[in-house]
Amino acid sequence: MIRHLVLMKCQPGIPAAQIDNLFAALAALKEKIPGILAFEGGQNNSPEGIARGYTHAFTMDFTDEQARDAYLPHAEHQNVATKIREILDGSPESVLVVDFAMRG
């Protein structure tokens, strides 16, 4: 199984409803793109103070690397990626993506 982890630095003042709609659109991809097992996402609420400006995050779990690789260029994913770019703060580090094989 592959976990896709995305950290985002959102623009200040983005309405909560817009972010909620984005997360709903991401969650809906599970029904539209084969191989997506799970989606979770939300606003950072860590008390540690080391978020480095990342305000929101989500994870998406895939059955395997092939499912993840098919998701990346998929038109439904590209539509949601456009929505993500609209809320980012525009800095070079506005989004961070890490994928890894899950163990255990």
PDB file of N, CA and C in Angstrom:
ATOM      1  N   MET A   1       0.856  -1.163   0.000  1.00  0.00           N
ATOM      2  CA  MET A   1       0.000   0.000   0.000  1.00  0.00           C
ATOM      3  C   MET A   1       0.909   1.235   0.000  1.00  0.00           C
ATOM      4  N   ILE A   2       0.474   2.259  -0.719  1.00  0.00           N
ATOM      5  CA  ILE A   2       1.205   3.514  -0.826  1.00  0.00           C
ATOM      6  C   ILE A   2       0.402   4.626  -0.146  1.00  0.00           C
ATOM      7  N   ARG A   3       1.073   5.393   0.708  1.00  0.00           N
ATOM      8  CA  ARG A   3       0.442   6.571   1.305  1.00  0.00           C
ATOM      9  C   ARG A   3       1.005   7.812   0.624  1.00  0.00           C
ATOM     10  N   HIS A   4       0.105   8.673   0.185  1.00  0.00           N
ATOM     11  CA  HIS A   4       0.405   9.940  -0.488  1.00  0.00           C
ATOM     12  C   HIS A   4       0.120  11.022   0.545  1.00  0.00           C
ATOM     13  N   LEU A   5       1.147  11.752   0.971  1.00  0.00           N
ATOM     14  CA  LEU A   5       1.036  12.770   2.007  1.00  0.00           C
ATOM     15  C   LEU A   5       1.287  14.135   1.393  1.00  0.00           C
ATOM     16  N   VAL A   6       0.351  15.047   1.573  1.00  0.00           N
ATOM     17  CA  VAL A   6       0.463  16.394   1.001  1.00  0.00           C
ATOM     18  C   VAL A   6       0.303  17.424   2.119  1.00  0.00           C
ATOM     19  N   LEU A   7       1.292  18.313   2.233  1.00  0.00           N
ATOM     20  CA  LEU A   7       1.240  19.428   3.174  1.00  0.00           C
ATOM     21  C   LEU A   7       1.069  20.707   2.372  1.00  0.00           C
ATOM     22  N   MET A   8       0.191  21.593   2.823  1.00  0.00           N
ATOM     23  CA  MET A   8      -0.119  22.803   2.076  1.00  0.00           C
ATOM     24  C   MET A   8       0.003  24.042   2.951  1.00  0.00           C
ATOM     25  N   LYS A   9       0.547  25.110   2.372  1.00  0.00           N
ATOM     26  CA  LYS A   9       0.548  26.430   2.991  1.00  0.00           C
ATOM     27  C   LYS A   9      -0.536  27.232   2.276  1.00  0.00           C
ATOM     28  N   CYS A  10      -1.656  27.414   2.946  1.00  0.00           N
ATOM     29  CA  CYS A  10      -2.780  28.115   2.327  1.00  0.00           C
ATOM     30  C   CYS A  10      -2.677  29.620   2.573  1.00  0.00           C
ATOM     31  N   GLN A  11      -3.254  30.376   1.646  1.00  0.00           N
ATOM     32  CA  GLN A  11      -3.306  31.832   1.778  1.00  0.00           C
ATOM     33  C   GLN A  11      -4.089  32.198   3.037  1.00  0.00           C
ATOM     34  N   PRO A  12      -3.626  33.223   3.750  1.00  0.00           N
ATOM     35  CA  PRO A  12      -4.426  33.705   4.878  1.00  0.00           C
ATOM     36  C   PRO A  12      -5.779  34.204   4.370  1.00  0.00           C
ATOM     37  N   GLY A  13      -6.810  33.968   5.131  1.00  0.00           N
ATOM     38  CA  GLY A  13      -8.126  34.490   4.788  1.00  0.00           C
ATOM     39  C   GLY A  13      -8.936  33.642   3.828  1.00  0.00           C
ATOM     40  N   ILE A  14      -8.407  32.489   3.410  1.00  0.00           N
ATOM     41  CA  ILE A  14      -9.207  31.601   2.556  1.00  0.00           C
ATOM     42  C   ILE A  14     -10.425  31.157   3.382  1.00  0.00           C
ATOM     43  N   PRO A  15     -11.619  31.309   2.853  1.00  0.00           N
ATOM     44  CA  PRO A  15     -12.809  30.911   3.613  1.00  0.00           C
ATOM     45  C   PRO A  15     -12.784  29.416   3.955  1.00  0.00           C
ATOM     46  N   ALA A  16     -13.197  29.102   5.169  1.00  0.00           N
ATOM     47  CA  ALA A  16     -13.238  27.703   5.615  1.00  0.00           C
ATOM     48  C   ALA A  16     -14.093  26.856   4.675  1.00  0.00           C
ATOM     49  N   ALA A  17     -15.160  27.436   4.145  1.00  0.00           N
ATOM     50  CA  ALA A  17     -16.039  26.693   3.240  1.00  0.00           C
ATOM     51  C   ALA A  17     -15.296  26.275   1.971  1.00  0.00           C
ATOM     52  N   GLN A  18     -14.393  27.111   1.484  1.00  0.00           N
ATOM     53  CA  GLN A  18     -13.625  26.764   0.287  1.00  0.00           C
ATOM     54  C   GLN A  18     -12.696  25.583   0.581  1.00  0.00           C
ATOM     55  N   ILE A  19     -12.084  25.585   1.737  1.00  0.00           N
ATOM     56  CA  ILE A  19     -11.212  24.473   2.112  1.00  0.00           C
ATOM     57  C   ILE A  19     -12.039  23.215   2.352  1.00  0.00           C
ATOM     58  N   ASP A  20     -13.189  23.355   2.993  1.00  0.00           N
ATOM     59  CA  ASP A  20     -14.080  22.208   3.194  1.00  0.00           C
ATOM     60  C   ASP A  20     -14.493  21.608   1.863  1.00  0.00           C
ATOM     61  N   ASN A  21     -14.800  22.463   0.886  1.00  0.00           N
ATOM     62  CA  ASN A  21     -15.183  21.976  -0.441  1.00  0.00           C
ATOM     63  C   ASN A  21     -14.026  21.246  -1.118  1.00  0.00           C
ATOM     64  N   LEU A  22     -12.808  21.752  -0.921  1.00  0.00           N
ATOM     65  CA  LEU A  22     -11.640  21.092  -1.479  1.00  0.00           C
ATOM     66  C   LEU A  22     -11.482  19.697  -0.886  1.00  0.00           C
ATOM     67  N   PHE A  23     -11.573  19.592   0.434  1.00  0.00           N
ATOM     68  CA  PHE A  23     -11.428  18.282   1.061  1.00  0.00           C
ATOM     69  C   PHE A  23     -12.556  17.335   0.655  1.00  0.00           C
ATOM     70  N   ALA A  24     -13.749  17.860   0.457  1.00  0.00           N
ATOM     71  CA  ALA A  24     -14.859  17.023  -0.030  1.00  0.00           C
ATOM     72  C   ALA A  24     -14.571  16.516  -1.437  1.00  0.00           C
ATOM     73  N   ALA A  25     -14.009  17.380  -2.287  1.00  0.00           N
ATOM     74  CA  ALA A  25     -13.663  16.973  -3.653  1.00  0.00           C
ATOM     75  C   ALA A  25     -12.563  15.916  -3.633  1.00  0.00           C
ATOM     76  N   LEU A  26     -11.594  16.069  -2.739  1.00  0.00           N
ATOM     77  CA  LEU A  26     -10.542  15.057  -2.613  1.00  0.00           C
ATOM     78  C   LEU A  26     -11.121  13.728  -2.136  1.00  0.00           C
ATOM     79  N   ALA A  27     -11.997  13.769  -1.151  1.00  0.00           N
ATOM     80  CA  ALA A  27     -12.621  12.547  -0.643  1.00  0.00           C
ATOM     81  C   ALA A  27     -13.432  11.847  -1.729  1.00  0.00           C
ATOM     82  N   ALA A  28     -14.078  12.627  -2.596  1.00  0.00           N
ATOM     83  CA  ALA A  28     -14.905  12.060  -3.669  1.00  0.00           C
ATOM     84  C   ALA A  28     -14.075  11.328  -4.718  1.00  0.00           C
ATOM     85  N   LEU A  29     -12.781  11.612  -4.779  1.00  0.00           N
ATOM     86  CA  LEU A  29     -11.936  10.920  -5.763  1.00  0.00           C
ATOM     87  C   LEU A  29     -11.906   9.417  -5.522  1.00  0.00           C
ATOM     88  N   LYS A  30     -12.141   9.006  -4.282  1.00  0.00           N
ATOM     89  CA  LYS A  30     -12.147   7.570  -3.956  1.00  0.00           C
ATOM     90  C   LYS A  30     -13.180   6.817  -4.791  1.00  0.00           C
ATOM     91  N   GLU A  31     -14.284   7.474  -5.097  1.00  0.00           N
ATOM     92  CA  GLU A  31     -15.349   6.843  -5.891  1.00  0.00           C
ATOM     93  C   GLU A  31     -15.128   7.006  -7.394  1.00  0.00           C
ATOM     94  N   LYS A  32     -14.170   7.840  -7.778  1.00  0.00           N
ATOM     95  CA  LYS A  32     -13.975   8.150  -9.190  1.00  0.00           C
ATOM     96  C   LYS A  32     -12.713   7.551  -9.794  1.00  0.00           C
ATOM     97  N   ILE A  33     -11.730   7.249  -8.957  1.00  0.00           N
ATOM     98  CA  ILE A  33     -10.450   6.761  -9.454  1.00  0.00           C
ATOM     99  C   ILE A  33     -10.154   5.412  -8.803  1.00  0.00           C
ATOM    100  N   PRO A  34     -10.013   4.365  -9.595  1.00  0.00           N
ATOM    101  CA  PRO A  34      -9.730   3.044  -9.028  1.00  0.00           C
ATOM    102  C   PRO A  34      -8.406   3.020  -8.269  1.00  0.00           C
ATOM    103  N   GLY A  35      -8.383   2.242  -7.204  1.00  0.00           N
ATOM    104  CA  GLY A  35      -7.153   2.039  -6.455  1.00  0.00           C
ATOM    105  C   GLY A  35      -6.971   2.947  -5.256  1.00  0.00           C
ATOM    106  N   ILE A  36      -7.876   3.926  -5.065  1.00  0.00           N
ATOM    107  CA  ILE A  36      -7.807   4.767  -3.871  1.00  0.00           C
ATOM    108  C   ILE A  36      -8.559   4.050  -2.755  1.00  0.00           C
ATOM    109  N   LEU A  37      -7.867   3.815  -1.651  1.00  0.00           N
ATOM    110  CA  LEU A  37      -8.464   3.096  -0.526  1.00  0.00           C
ATOM    111  C   LEU A  37      -9.028   4.025   0.541  1.00  0.00           C
ATOM    112  N   ALA A  38      -8.359   5.163   0.765  1.00  0.00           N
ATOM    113  CA  ALA A  38      -8.774   6.041   1.860  1.00  0.00           C
ATOM    114  C   ALA A  38      -8.268   7.453   1.633  1.00  0.00           C
ATOM    115  N   PHE A  39      -8.988   8.395   2.217  1.00  0.00           N
ATOM    116  CA  PHE A  39      -8.602   9.805   2.221  1.00  0.00           C
ATOM    117  C   PHE A  39      -8.854  10.366   3.618  1.00  0.00           C
ATOM    118  N   GLU A  40      -7.938  11.179   4.112  1.00  0.00           N
ATOM    119  CA  GLU A  40      -8.106  11.930   5.353  1.00  0.00           C
ATOM    120  C   GLU A  40      -7.450  13.285   5.156  1.00  0.00           C
ATOM    121  N   GLY A  41      -8.029  14.320   5.720  1.00  0.00           N
ATOM    122  CA  GLY A  41      -7.419  15.635   5.590  1.00  0.00           C
ATOM    123  C   GLY A  41      -7.984  16.612   6.595  1.00  0.00           C
ATOM    124  N   GLY A  42      -7.235  17.696   6.826  1.00  0.00           N
ATOM    125  CA  GLY A  42      -7.717  18.704   7.737  1.00  0.00           C
ATOM    126  C   GLY A  42      -6.701  19.801   7.986  1.00  0.00           C
ATOM    127  N   GLN A  43      -7.059  20.700   8.883  1.00  0.00           N
ATOM    128  CA  GLN A  43      -6.229  21.838   9.244  1.00  0.00           C
ATOM    129  C   GLN A  43      -5.238  21.427  10.330  1.00  0.00           C
ATOM    130  N   ASN A  44      -4.028  21.948  10.231  1.00  0.00           N
ATOM    131  CA  ASN A  44      -3.019  21.680  11.243  1.00  0.00           C
ATOM    132  C   ASN A  44      -3.495  22.197  12.600  1.00  0.00           C
ATOM    133  N   ASN A  45      -3.356  21.367  13.620  1.00  0.00           N
ATOM    134  CA  ASN A  45      -3.661  21.812  14.978  1.00  0.00           C
ATOM    135  C   ASN A  45      -2.591  21.342  15.958  1.00  0.00           C
ATOM    136  N   SER A  46      -1.388  21.091  15.450  1.00  0.00           N
ATOM    137  CA  SER A  46      -0.304  20.625  16.299  1.00  0.00           C
ATOM    138  C   SER A  46       0.140  21.714  17.277  1.00  0.00           C
ATOM    139  N   PRO A  47       0.304  21.358  18.542  1.00  0.00           N
ATOM    140  CA  PRO A  47       0.789  22.317  19.528  1.00  0.00           C
ATOM    141  C   PRO A  47       2.317  22.433  19.544  1.00  0.00           C
ATOM    142  N   GLU A  48       3.010  21.668  18.716  1.00  0.00           N
ATOM    143  CA  GLU A  48       4.470  21.629  18.763  1.00  0.00           C
ATOM    144  C   GLU A  48       5.148  22.886  18.215  1.00  0.00           C
ATOM    145  N   GLY A  49       4.446  23.622  17.336  1.00  0.00           N
ATOM    146  CA  GLY A  49       5.007  24.854  16.810  1.00  0.00           C
ATOM    147  C   GLY A  49       6.103  24.673  15.778  1.00  0.00           C
ATOM    148  N   ILE A  50       6.109  23.550  15.093  1.00  0.00           N
ATOM    149  CA  ILE A  50       7.146  23.312  14.075  1.00  0.00           C
ATOM    150  C   ILE A  50       6.537  22.983  12.713  1.00  0.00           C
ATOM    151  N   ALA A  51       5.371  23.543  12.435  1.00  0.00           N
ATOM    152  CA  ALA A  51       4.684  23.280  11.172  1.00  0.00           C
ATOM    153  C   ALA A  51       5.325  24.002   9.994  1.00  0.00           C
ATOM    154  N   ARG A  52       6.207  24.964  10.270  1.00  0.00           N
ATOM    155  CA  ARG A  52       6.923  25.708   9.233  1.00  0.00           C
ATOM    156  C   ARG A  52       5.978  26.345   8.211  1.00  0.00           C
ATOM    157  N   GLY A  53       4.819  26.773   8.684  1.00  0.00           N
ATOM    158  CA  GLY A  53       3.875  27.470   7.823  1.00  0.00           C
ATOM    159  C   GLY A  53       2.858  26.588   7.118  1.00  0.00           C
ATOM    160  N   TYR A  54       2.984  25.265   7.235  1.00  0.00           N
ATOM    161  CA  TYR A  54       2.006  24.381   6.609  1.00  0.00           C
ATOM    162  C   TYR A  54       0.727  24.405   7.439  1.00  0.00           C
ATOM    163  N   THR A  55      -0.357  24.785   6.803  1.00  0.00           N
ATOM    164  CA  THR A  55      -1.614  25.019   7.500  1.00  0.00           C
ATOM    165  C   THR A  55      -2.597  23.862   7.395  1.00  0.00           C
ATOM    166  N   HIS A  56      -2.477  23.060   6.330  1.00  0.00           N
ATOM    167  CA  HIS A  56      -3.415  21.969   6.066  1.00  0.00           C
ATOM    168  C   HIS A  56      -2.651  20.781   5.498  1.00  0.00           C
ATOM    169  N   ALA A  57      -3.240  19.603   5.649  1.00  0.00           N
ATOM    170  CA  ALA A  57      -2.604  18.394   5.124  1.00  0.00           C
ATOM    171  C   ALA A  57      -3.666  17.379   4.745  1.00  0.00           C
ATOM    172  N   PHE A  58      -3.275  16.472   3.858  1.00  0.00           N
ATOM    173  CA  PHE A  58      -4.128  15.322   3.590  1.00  0.00           C
ATOM    174  C   PHE A  58      -3.285  14.122   3.223  1.00  0.00           C
ATOM    175  N   THR A  59      -3.882  12.963   3.449  1.00  0.00           N
ATOM    176  CA  THR A  59      -3.279  11.709   3.015  1.00  0.00           C
ATOM    177  C   THR A  59      -4.276  10.977   2.131  1.00  0.00           C
ATOM    178  N   MET A  60      -3.728  10.229   1.212  1.00  0.00           N
ATOM    179  CA  MET A  60      -4.529   9.379   0.350  1.00  0.00           C
ATOM    180  C   MET A  60      -3.790   8.047   0.266  1.00  0.00           C
ATOM    181  N   ASP A  61      -4.496   6.958   0.503  1.00  0.00           N
ATOM    182  CA  ASP A  61      -3.889   5.639   0.446  1.00  0.00           C
ATOM    183  C   ASP A  61      -4.293   4.943  -0.846  1.00  0.00           C
ATOM    184  N   PHE A  62      -3.301   4.326  -1.471  1.00  0.00           N
ATOM    185  CA  PHE A  62      -3.496   3.612  -2.734  1.00  0.00           C
ATOM    186  C   PHE A  62      -3.157   2.138  -2.558  1.00  0.00           C
ATOM    187  N   THR A  63      -3.768   1.309  -3.364  1.00  0.00           N
ATOM    188  CA  THR A  63      -3.512  -0.124  -3.281  1.00  0.00           C
ATOM    189  C   THR A  63      -2.051  -0.438  -3.557  1.00  0.00           C
ATOM    190  N   ASP A  64      -1.458   0.292  -4.514  1.00  0.00           N
ATOM    191  CA  ASP A  64      -0.069   0.030  -4.897  1.00  0.00           C
ATOM    192  C   ASP A  64       0.464   1.202  -5.714  1.00  0.00           C
ATOM    193  N   GLU A  65       1.719   1.120  -6.120  1.00  0.00           N
ATOM    194  CA  GLU A  65       2.330   2.203  -6.891  1.00  0.00           C
ATOM    195  C   GLU A  65       1.629   2.431  -8.225  1.00  0.00           C
ATOM    196  N   GLN A  66       1.144   1.361  -8.848  1.00  0.00           N
ATOM    197  CA  GLN A  66       0.461   1.512 -10.133  1.00  0.00           C
ATOM    198  C   GLN A  66      -0.808   2.342  -9.987  1.00  0.00           C
ATOM    199  N   ALA A  67      -1.540   2.128  -8.907  1.00  0.00           N
ATOM    200  CA  ALA A  67      -2.762   2.916  -8.666  1.00  0.00           C
ATOM    201  C   ALA A  67      -2.409   4.385  -8.440  1.00  0.00           C
ATOM    202  N   ARG A  68      -1.358   4.627  -7.661  1.00  0.00           N
ATOM    203  CA  ARG A  68      -0.910   6.001  -7.423  1.00  0.00           C
ATOM    204  C   ARG A  68      -0.464   6.651  -8.730  1.00  0.00           C
ATOM    205  N   ASP A  69       0.280   5.905  -9.543  1.00  0.00           N
ATOM    206  CA  ASP A  69       0.776   6.447 -10.809  1.00  0.00           C
ATOM    207  C   ASP A  69      -0.360   6.749 -11.781  1.00  0.00           C
ATOM    208  N   ALA A  70      -1.435   5.960 -11.731  1.00  0.00           N
ATOM    209  CA  ALA A  70      -2.594   6.213 -12.591  1.00  0.00           C
ATOM    210  C   ALA A  70      -3.393   7.420 -12.096  1.00  0.00           C
ATOM    211  N   TYR A  71      -3.401   7.646 -10.804  1.00  0.00           N
ATOM    212  CA  TYR A  71      -4.109   8.780 -10.189  1.00  0.00           C
ATOM    213  C   TYR A  71      -3.502  10.117 -10.604  1.00  0.00           C
ATOM    214  N   LEU A  72      -2.181  10.187 -10.654  1.00  0.00           N
ATOM    215  CA  LEU A  72      -1.507  11.471 -10.877  1.00  0.00           C
ATOM    216  C   LEU A  72      -1.972  12.194 -12.140  1.00  0.00           C
ATOM    217  N   PRO A  73      -2.008  11.544 -13.316  1.00  0.00           N
ATOM    218  CA  PRO A  73      -2.454  12.260 -14.515  1.00  0.00           C
ATOM    219  C   PRO A  73      -3.971  12.229 -14.743  1.00  0.00           C
ATOM    220  N   HIS A  74      -4.702  11.510 -13.901  1.00  0.00           N
ATOM    221  CA  HIS A  74      -6.147  11.340 -14.086  1.00  0.00           C
ATOM    222  C   HIS A  74      -6.842  12.709 -14.120  1.00  0.00           C
ATOM    223  N   ALA A  75      -7.767  12.880 -15.026  1.00  0.00           N
ATOM    224  CA  ALA A  75      -8.458  14.166 -15.198  1.00  0.00           C
ATOM    225  C   ALA A  75      -9.161  14.631 -13.922  1.00  0.00           C
ATOM    226  N   GLU A  76      -9.765  13.710 -13.172  1.00  0.00           N
ATOM    227  CA  GLU A  76     -10.447  14.092 -11.927  1.00  0.00           C
ATOM    228  C   GLU A  76      -9.442  14.627 -10.905  1.00  0.00           C
ATOM    229  N   HIS A  77      -8.275  14.003 -10.832  1.00  0.00           N
ATOM    230  CA  HIS A  77      -7.225  14.503  -9.930  1.00  0.00           C
ATOM    231  C   HIS A  77      -6.737  15.860 -10.392  1.00  0.00           C
ATOM    232  N   GLN A  78      -6.557  16.029 -11.681  1.00  0.00           N
ATOM    233  CA  GLN A  78      -6.079  17.312 -12.199  1.00  0.00           C
ATOM    234  C   GLN A  78      -7.059  18.440 -11.899  1.00  0.00           C
ATOM    235  N   ASN A  79      -8.357  18.141 -11.946  1.00  0.00           N
ATOM    236  CA  ASN A  79      -9.368  19.150 -11.595  1.00  0.00           C
ATOM    237  C   ASN A  79      -9.227  19.590 -10.138  1.00  0.00           C
ATOM    238  N   VAL A  80      -9.019  18.627  -9.251  1.00  0.00           N
ATOM    239  CA  VAL A  80      -8.861  18.956  -7.835  1.00  0.00           C
ATOM    240  C   VAL A  80      -7.524  19.660  -7.598  1.00  0.00           C
ATOM    241  N   ALA A  81      -6.484  19.259  -8.309  1.00  0.00           N
ATOM    242  CA  ALA A  81      -5.174  19.914  -8.167  1.00  0.00           C
ATOM    243  C   ALA A  81      -5.271  21.399  -8.512  1.00  0.00           C
ATOM    244  N   THR A  82      -6.112  21.739  -9.479  1.00  0.00           N
ATOM    245  CA  THR A  82      -6.332  23.147  -9.818  1.00  0.00           C
ATOM    246  C   THR A  82      -6.934  23.886  -8.625  1.00  0.00           C
ATOM    247  N   LYS A  83      -7.880  23.251  -7.941  1.00  0.00           N
ATOM    248  CA  LYS A  83      -8.490  23.864  -6.755  1.00  0.00           C
ATOM    249  C   LYS A  83      -7.461  24.050  -5.639  1.00  0.00           C
ATOM    250  N   ILE A  84      -6.547  23.099  -5.527  1.00  0.00           N
ATOM    251  CA  ILE A  84      -5.494  23.214  -4.511  1.00  0.00           C
ATOM    252  C   ILE A  84      -4.612  24.413  -4.830  1.00  0.00           C
ATOM    253  N   ARG A  85      -4.180  24.539  -6.070  1.00  0.00           N
ATOM    254  CA  ARG A  85      -3.305  25.656  -6.447  1.00  0.00           C
ATOM    255  C   ARG A  85      -3.961  27.009  -6.181  1.00  0.00           C
ATOM    256  N   GLU A  86      -5.284  27.080  -6.287  1.00  0.00           N
ATOM    257  CA  GLU A  86      -6.003  28.341  -6.057  1.00  0.00           C
ATOM    258  C   GLU A  86      -5.932  28.822  -4.613  1.00  0.00           C
ATOM    259  N   ILE A  87      -5.729  27.917  -3.659  1.00  0.00           N
ATOM    260  CA  ILE A  87      -5.730  28.324  -2.251  1.00  0.00           C
ATOM    261  C   ILE A  87      -4.326  28.420  -1.648  1.00  0.00           C
ATOM    262  N   LEU A  88      -3.304  27.975  -2.379  1.00  0.00           N
ATOM    263  CA  LEU A  88      -1.946  27.999  -1.847  1.00  0.00           C
ATOM    264  C   LEU A  88      -1.428  29.422  -1.744  1.00  0.00           C
ATOM    265  N   ASP A  89      -0.445  29.622  -0.870  1.00  0.00           N
ATOM    266  CA  ASP A  89       0.062  30.976  -0.631  1.00  0.00           C
ATOM    267  C   ASP A  89       1.012  31.481  -1.716  1.00  0.00           C
ATOM    268  N   GLY A  90       1.383  30.661  -2.678  1.00  0.00           N
ATOM    269  CA  GLY A  90       2.208  31.104  -3.797  1.00  0.00           C
ATOM    270  C   GLY A  90       3.698  31.044  -3.547  1.00  0.00           C
ATOM    271  N   SER A  91       4.106  30.673  -2.356  1.00  0.00           N
ATOM    272  CA  SER A  91       5.537  30.567  -2.071  1.00  0.00           C
ATOM    273  C   SER A  91       6.107  29.314  -2.741  1.00  0.00           C
ATOM    274  N   PRO A  92       7.416  29.296  -2.970  1.00  0.00           N
ATOM    275  CA  PRO A  92       8.024  28.103  -3.590  1.00  0.00           C
ATOM    276  C   PRO A  92       7.786  26.829  -2.777  1.00  0.00           C
ATOM    277  N   GLU A  93       7.589  26.980  -1.462  1.00  0.00           N
ATOM    278  CA  GLU A  93       7.366  25.825  -0.589  1.00  0.00           C
ATOM    279  C   GLU A  93       5.891  25.648  -0.238  1.00  0.00           C
ATOM    280  N   SER A  94       4.988  26.134  -1.062  1.00  0.00           N
ATOM    281  CA  SER A  94       3.570  26.139  -0.712  1.00  0.00           C
ATOM    282  C   SER A  94       2.949  24.751  -0.632  1.00  0.00           C
ATOM    283  N   VAL A  95       3.598  23.783  -1.238  1.00  0.00           N
ATOM    284  CA  VAL A  95       3.086  22.413  -1.164  1.00  0.00           C
ATOM    285  C   VAL A  95       4.270  21.459  -1.070  1.00  0.00           C
ATOM    286  N   LEU A  96       4.086  20.428  -0.262  1.00  0.00           N
ATOM    287  CA  LEU A  96       5.098  19.397  -0.083  1.00  0.00           C
ATOM    288  C   LEU A  96       4.403  18.053  -0.235  1.00  0.00           C
ATOM    289  N   VAL A  97       4.943  17.196  -1.078  1.00  0.00           N
ATOM    290  CA  VAL A  97       4.343  15.891  -1.322  1.00  0.00           C
ATOM    291  C   VAL A  97       5.383  14.810  -1.047  1.00  0.00           C
ATOM    292  N   VAL A  98       4.976  13.826  -0.249  1.00  0.00           N
ATOM    293  CA  VAL A  98       5.813  12.673   0.051  1.00  0.00           C
ATOM    294  C   VAL A  98       4.948  11.425  -0.104  1.00  0.00           C
ATOM    295  N   ASP A  99       5.448  10.456  -0.837  1.00  0.00           N
ATOM    296  CA  ASP A  99       4.765   9.173  -0.977  1.00  0.00           C
ATOM    297  C   ASP A  99       5.672   8.104  -0.373  1.00  0.00           C
ATOM    298  N   PHE A 100       5.053   7.120   0.286  1.00  0.00           N
ATOM    299  CA  PHE A 100       5.853   6.049   0.853  1.00  0.00           C
ATOM    300  C   PHE A 100       5.043   4.767   0.932  1.00  0.00           C
ATOM    301  N   ALA A 101       5.774   3.644   0.877  1.00  0.00           N
ATOM    302  CA  ALA A 101       5.150   2.342   1.063  1.00  0.00           C
ATOM    303  C   ALA A 101       4.890   2.157   2.546  1.00  0.00           C
ATOM    304  N   MET A 102       3.674   1.786   2.878  1.00  0.00           N
ATOM    305  CA  MET A 102       3.299   1.615   4.282  1.00  0.00           C
ATOM    306  C   MET A 102       3.803   0.278   4.785  1.00  0.00           C
ATOM    307  N   ARG A 103       4.262   0.288   6.021  1.00  0.00           N
ATOM    308  CA  ARG A 103       4.773  -0.932   6.664  1.00  0.00           C
ATOM    309  C   ARG A 103       3.878  -1.282   7.842  1.00  0.00           C
ATOM    310  N   GLY A 104       3.663  -2.552   7.978  1.00  0.00           N
ATOM    311  CA  GLY A 104       2.930  -3.022   9.162  1.00  0.00           C
ATOM    312  C   GLY A 104       1.513  -2.810   9.107  1.00  0.00           C
TER     313      GLY A 104
END
